Amino acid sequence: MSGVLSLTLPVETAEHGLKRMLEQLHLGETITLVGAEGVPLAVIVSLQKPATVEAEPASDWEARWDALARKVSQAWKGEKGAVETLVEMRR
């Protein structure tokens, strides 16, 4: 995660989906509950650590990228290569 999430929600919204919102928060992220006039009433700070995401083995990832590169190369029909085309498009 690139930054800490901070949400501001009306109390009425939190009443209906608080459990789901709490499950989505990571450690240190906050939800600020505001009243009808927009005045902050409470701040909820998550204390749960994010679930670990099982990383794909590097060799499998590289093999998939290589297969994709070969597929694109075989399907490429232009006179110029893909990199040359991208460079021209960015000019």
N, C-alpha and C. Protein backbone atom coordinates (compact mmCIF):
# COMPACT_ATOMS: atom_id res chain seq x y z
N MET A 1 0.84 -1.17 0.00
CA MET A 1 0.00 0.00 0.00
C MET A 1 0.88 1.24 0.00
N SER A 2 0.57 2.20 -0.84
CA SER A 2 1.44 3.36 -1.00
C SER A 2 1.24 4.40 0.08
N GLY A 3 0.06 4.53 0.66
CA GLY A 3 -0.20 5.53 1.68
C GLY A 3 -1.22 5.00 2.65
N VAL A 4 -1.46 5.79 3.70
CA VAL A 4 -2.41 5.39 4.71
C VAL A 4 -3.79 5.90 4.31
N LEU A 5 -4.76 5.02 4.31
CA LEU A 5 -6.12 5.37 3.93
C LEU A 5 -6.80 6.10 5.08
N SER A 6 -7.52 7.15 4.76
CA SER A 6 -8.30 7.88 5.74
C SER A 6 -9.64 8.23 5.11
N LEU A 7 -10.71 7.68 5.66
CA LEU A 7 -12.05 7.92 5.14
C LEU A 7 -12.82 8.83 6.08
N THR A 8 -13.70 9.64 5.53
CA THR A 8 -14.63 10.43 6.33
C THR A 8 -16.02 10.03 5.89
N LEU A 9 -16.81 9.55 6.85
CA LEU A 9 -18.14 9.04 6.53
C LEU A 9 -19.18 9.59 7.49
N PRO A 10 -20.42 9.78 7.00
CA PRO A 10 -21.51 10.11 7.91
C PRO A 10 -21.80 8.92 8.82
N VAL A 11 -22.23 9.19 10.03
CA VAL A 11 -22.54 8.12 10.98
C VAL A 11 -23.57 7.17 10.40
N GLU A 12 -24.55 7.69 9.67
CA GLU A 12 -25.60 6.86 9.08
C GLU A 12 -25.02 5.82 8.12
N THR A 13 -24.02 6.20 7.35
CA THR A 13 -23.38 5.27 6.41
C THR A 13 -22.64 4.18 7.18
N ALA A 14 -21.94 4.56 8.23
CA ALA A 14 -21.19 3.60 9.02
C ALA A 14 -22.11 2.61 9.73
N GLU A 15 -23.31 3.03 10.10
CA GLU A 15 -24.24 2.14 10.78
C GLU A 15 -24.56 0.91 9.94
N HIS A 16 -24.61 1.08 8.64
CA HIS A 16 -25.02 0.00 7.75
C HIS A 16 -23.87 -0.83 7.21
N GLY A 17 -22.66 -0.32 7.23
CA GLY A 17 -21.56 -1.07 6.63
C GLY A 17 -20.28 -1.05 7.44
N LEU A 18 -20.38 -0.82 8.75
CA LEU A 18 -19.18 -0.67 9.57
C LEU A 18 -18.32 -1.93 9.57
N LYS A 19 -18.93 -3.10 9.69
CA LYS A 19 -18.15 -4.34 9.74
C LYS A 19 -17.33 -4.52 8.46
N ARG A 20 -17.97 -4.29 7.30
CA ARG A 20 -17.26 -4.43 6.02
C ARG A 20 -16.13 -3.42 5.91
N MET A 21 -16.40 -2.18 6.33
CA MET A 21 -15.36 -1.14 6.27
C MET A 21 -14.17 -1.48 7.16
N LEU A 22 -14.45 -1.99 8.35
CA LEU A 22 -13.37 -2.35 9.26
C LEU A 22 -12.51 -3.47 8.70
N GLU A 23 -13.13 -4.42 8.02
CA GLU A 23 -12.39 -5.54 7.43
C GLU A 23 -11.44 -5.07 6.34
N GLN A 24 -11.74 -3.93 5.69
CA GLN A 24 -10.92 -3.44 4.59
C GLN A 24 -9.78 -2.54 5.06
N LEU A 25 -9.84 -2.07 6.31
CA LEU A 25 -8.78 -1.19 6.82
C LEU A 25 -7.54 -1.98 7.15
N HIS A 26 -6.41 -1.37 6.95
CA HIS A 26 -5.12 -1.94 7.35
C HIS A 26 -4.59 -1.17 8.55
N LEU A 27 -3.56 -1.68 9.14
CA LEU A 27 -2.94 -1.09 10.32
C LEU A 27 -2.70 0.41 10.14
N GLY A 28 -3.25 1.23 11.05
CA GLY A 28 -3.04 2.67 11.04
C GLY A 28 -4.01 3.46 10.19
N GLU A 29 -4.79 2.80 9.35
CA GLU A 29 -5.78 3.52 8.54
C GLU A 29 -6.95 3.94 9.41
N THR A 30 -7.62 5.02 9.01
CA THR A 30 -8.67 5.57 9.86
C THR A 30 -9.98 5.80 9.13
N ILE A 31 -11.04 5.84 9.93
CA ILE A 31 -12.36 6.27 9.48
C ILE A 31 -12.79 7.36 10.45
N THR A 32 -13.11 8.53 9.91
CA THR A 32 -13.64 9.62 10.73
C THR A 32 -15.14 9.66 10.53
N LEU A 33 -15.89 9.52 11.63
CA LEU A 33 -17.34 9.56 11.57
C LEU A 33 -17.81 10.98 11.83
N VAL A 34 -18.68 11.49 10.94
CA VAL A 34 -19.18 12.86 11.07
C VAL A 34 -20.68 12.84 11.27
N GLY A 35 -21.18 13.84 12.01
CA GLY A 35 -22.60 13.97 12.26
C GLY A 35 -23.30 14.65 11.10
N ALA A 36 -24.58 14.94 11.31
CA ALA A 36 -25.41 15.52 10.26
C ALA A 36 -24.88 16.87 9.77
N GLU A 37 -24.26 17.64 10.66
CA GLU A 37 -23.74 18.95 10.29
C GLU A 37 -22.32 18.88 9.73
N GLY A 38 -21.79 17.68 9.59
CA GLY A 38 -20.43 17.51 9.09
C GLY A 38 -19.36 17.66 10.16
N VAL A 39 -19.78 17.72 11.41
CA VAL A 39 -18.84 17.86 12.53
C VAL A 39 -18.30 16.49 12.90
N PRO A 40 -16.96 16.34 13.00
CA PRO A 40 -16.39 15.04 13.40
C PRO A 40 -16.88 14.61 14.78
N LEU A 41 -17.30 13.35 14.87
CA LEU A 41 -17.79 12.79 16.13
C LEU A 41 -16.83 11.76 16.71
N ALA A 42 -16.15 11.02 15.84
CA ALA A 42 -15.25 9.96 16.30
C ALA A 42 -14.26 9.61 15.21
N VAL A 43 -13.13 9.07 15.64
CA VAL A 43 -12.13 8.55 14.70
C VAL A 43 -11.87 7.10 15.07
N ILE A 44 -11.96 6.23 14.08
CA ILE A 44 -11.69 4.80 14.28
C ILE A 44 -10.35 4.53 13.63
N VAL A 45 -9.42 3.94 14.38
CA VAL A 45 -8.09 3.61 13.87
C VAL A 45 -7.94 2.09 13.88
N SER A 46 -7.59 1.52 12.75
CA SER A 46 -7.41 0.08 12.65
C SER A 46 -6.15 -0.36 13.38
N LEU A 47 -6.29 -1.43 14.13
CA LEU A 47 -5.13 -2.00 14.84
C LEU A 47 -4.73 -3.35 14.27
N GLN A 48 -5.41 -3.78 13.21
CA GLN A 48 -5.08 -5.08 12.63
C GLN A 48 -4.02 -4.97 11.56
N LYS A 49 -3.12 -5.92 11.58
CA LYS A 49 -2.08 -5.98 10.55
C LYS A 49 -2.70 -6.53 9.28
N PRO A 50 -2.23 -6.05 8.12
CA PRO A 50 -2.78 -6.56 6.85
C PRO A 50 -2.49 -8.04 6.68
N ALA A 51 -3.42 -8.73 6.04
CA ALA A 51 -3.21 -10.14 5.75
C ALA A 51 -2.05 -10.27 4.78
N THR A 52 -1.24 -11.28 4.97
CA THR A 52 -0.11 -11.47 4.07
C THR A 52 -0.61 -12.05 2.75
N VAL A 53 -0.11 -11.50 1.69
CA VAL A 53 -0.46 -11.97 0.36
C VAL A 53 0.65 -12.89 -0.10
N GLU A 54 0.26 -14.07 -0.52
CA GLU A 54 1.26 -15.04 -0.96
C GLU A 54 1.81 -14.62 -2.32
N ALA A 55 3.09 -14.38 -2.36
CA ALA A 55 3.73 -13.92 -3.59
C ALA A 55 3.93 -15.09 -4.56
N GLU A 56 3.79 -14.77 -5.82
CA GLU A 56 4.01 -15.75 -6.87
C GLU A 56 5.52 -15.96 -7.01
N PRO A 57 5.98 -17.19 -7.16
CA PRO A 57 7.41 -17.42 -7.33
C PRO A 57 7.95 -16.63 -8.52
N ALA A 58 9.14 -16.06 -8.36
CA ALA A 58 9.72 -15.21 -9.40
C ALA A 58 9.88 -15.97 -10.72
N SER A 59 10.27 -17.22 -10.65
CA SER A 59 10.49 -17.97 -11.89
C SER A 59 9.18 -18.13 -12.67
N ASP A 60 8.08 -18.34 -11.97
CA ASP A 60 6.78 -18.48 -12.63
C ASP A 60 6.37 -17.16 -13.27
N TRP A 61 6.59 -16.07 -12.55
CA TRP A 61 6.26 -14.73 -13.04
C TRP A 61 7.07 -14.43 -14.30
N GLU A 62 8.36 -14.71 -14.26
CA GLU A 62 9.23 -14.45 -15.41
C GLU A 62 8.83 -15.32 -16.61
N ALA A 63 8.47 -16.55 -16.35
CA ALA A 63 8.06 -17.44 -17.44
C ALA A 63 6.79 -16.93 -18.11
N ARG A 64 5.86 -16.43 -17.32
CA ARG A 64 4.62 -15.88 -17.88
C ARG A 64 4.89 -14.65 -18.72
N TRP A 65 5.81 -13.78 -18.25
CA TRP A 65 6.16 -12.58 -19.03
C TRP A 65 6.85 -12.95 -20.32
N ASP A 66 7.75 -13.93 -20.27
CA ASP A 66 8.44 -14.38 -21.47
C ASP A 66 7.46 -14.95 -22.49
N ALA A 67 6.50 -15.73 -22.01
CA ALA A 67 5.49 -16.31 -22.91
C ALA A 67 4.66 -15.20 -23.54
N LEU A 68 4.30 -14.20 -22.77
CA LEU A 68 3.54 -13.08 -23.31
C LEU A 68 4.35 -12.31 -24.34
N ALA A 69 5.63 -12.09 -24.07
CA ALA A 69 6.50 -11.38 -25.02
C ALA A 69 6.59 -12.14 -26.35
N ARG A 70 6.73 -13.46 -26.27
CA ARG A 70 6.79 -14.26 -27.50
C ARG A 70 5.47 -14.17 -28.28
N LYS A 71 4.37 -14.21 -27.56
CA LYS A 71 3.05 -14.14 -28.21
C LYS A 71 2.86 -12.79 -28.91
N VAL A 72 3.25 -11.70 -28.26
CA VAL A 72 3.13 -10.38 -28.86
C VAL A 72 4.04 -10.26 -30.07
N SER A 73 5.27 -10.77 -29.95
CA SER A 73 6.22 -10.71 -31.07
C SER A 73 5.69 -11.45 -32.29
N GLN A 74 5.09 -12.61 -32.07
CA GLN A 74 4.56 -13.39 -33.18
C GLN A 74 3.36 -12.71 -33.83
N ALA A 75 2.58 -11.98 -33.05
CA ALA A 75 1.38 -11.35 -33.58
C ALA A 75 1.66 -9.96 -34.16
N TRP A 76 2.85 -9.40 -33.89
CA TRP A 76 3.17 -8.05 -34.35
C TRP A 76 3.26 -8.01 -35.85
N LYS A 77 2.54 -7.07 -36.50
CA LYS A 77 2.49 -7.03 -37.96
C LYS A 77 3.05 -5.73 -38.54
N GLY A 78 3.59 -4.86 -37.73
CA GLY A 78 4.10 -3.59 -38.23
C GLY A 78 5.49 -3.70 -38.81
N GLU A 79 5.87 -2.69 -39.63
CA GLU A 79 7.22 -2.66 -40.19
C GLU A 79 8.24 -2.36 -39.11
N LYS A 80 7.84 -1.51 -38.16
CA LYS A 80 8.73 -1.14 -37.06
C LYS A 80 8.40 -1.99 -35.85
N GLY A 81 9.36 -2.09 -34.96
CA GLY A 81 9.14 -2.83 -33.73
C GLY A 81 8.22 -2.06 -32.78
N ALA A 82 7.77 -2.75 -31.75
CA ALA A 82 6.85 -2.16 -30.78
C ALA A 82 7.49 -0.98 -30.06
N VAL A 83 8.77 -1.09 -29.71
CA VAL A 83 9.44 -0.01 -28.99
C VAL A 83 9.55 1.23 -29.88
N GLU A 84 9.93 1.03 -31.13
CA GLU A 84 10.02 2.16 -32.06
C GLU A 84 8.66 2.84 -32.22
N THR A 85 7.61 2.07 -32.32
CA THR A 85 6.26 2.63 -32.45
C THR A 85 5.88 3.44 -31.23
N LEU A 86 6.17 2.94 -30.04
CA LEU A 86 5.87 3.66 -28.81
C LEU A 86 6.65 4.98 -28.71
N VAL A 87 7.91 4.95 -29.10
CA VAL A 87 8.72 6.15 -29.07
C VAL A 87 8.12 7.21 -29.97
N GLU A 88 7.70 6.83 -31.16
CA GLU A 88 7.07 7.78 -32.09
C GLU A 88 5.75 8.31 -31.54
N MET A 89 4.98 7.48 -30.89
CA MET A 89 3.70 7.90 -30.33
C MET A 89 3.88 8.92 -29.21
N ARG A 90 4.97 8.82 -28.49
CA ARG A 90 5.21 9.73 -27.37
C ARG A 90 5.76 11.09 -27.80
N ARG A 91 6.16 11.21 -29.04
CA ARG A 91 6.71 12.49 -29.53
C ARG A 91 5.62 13.49 -29.73
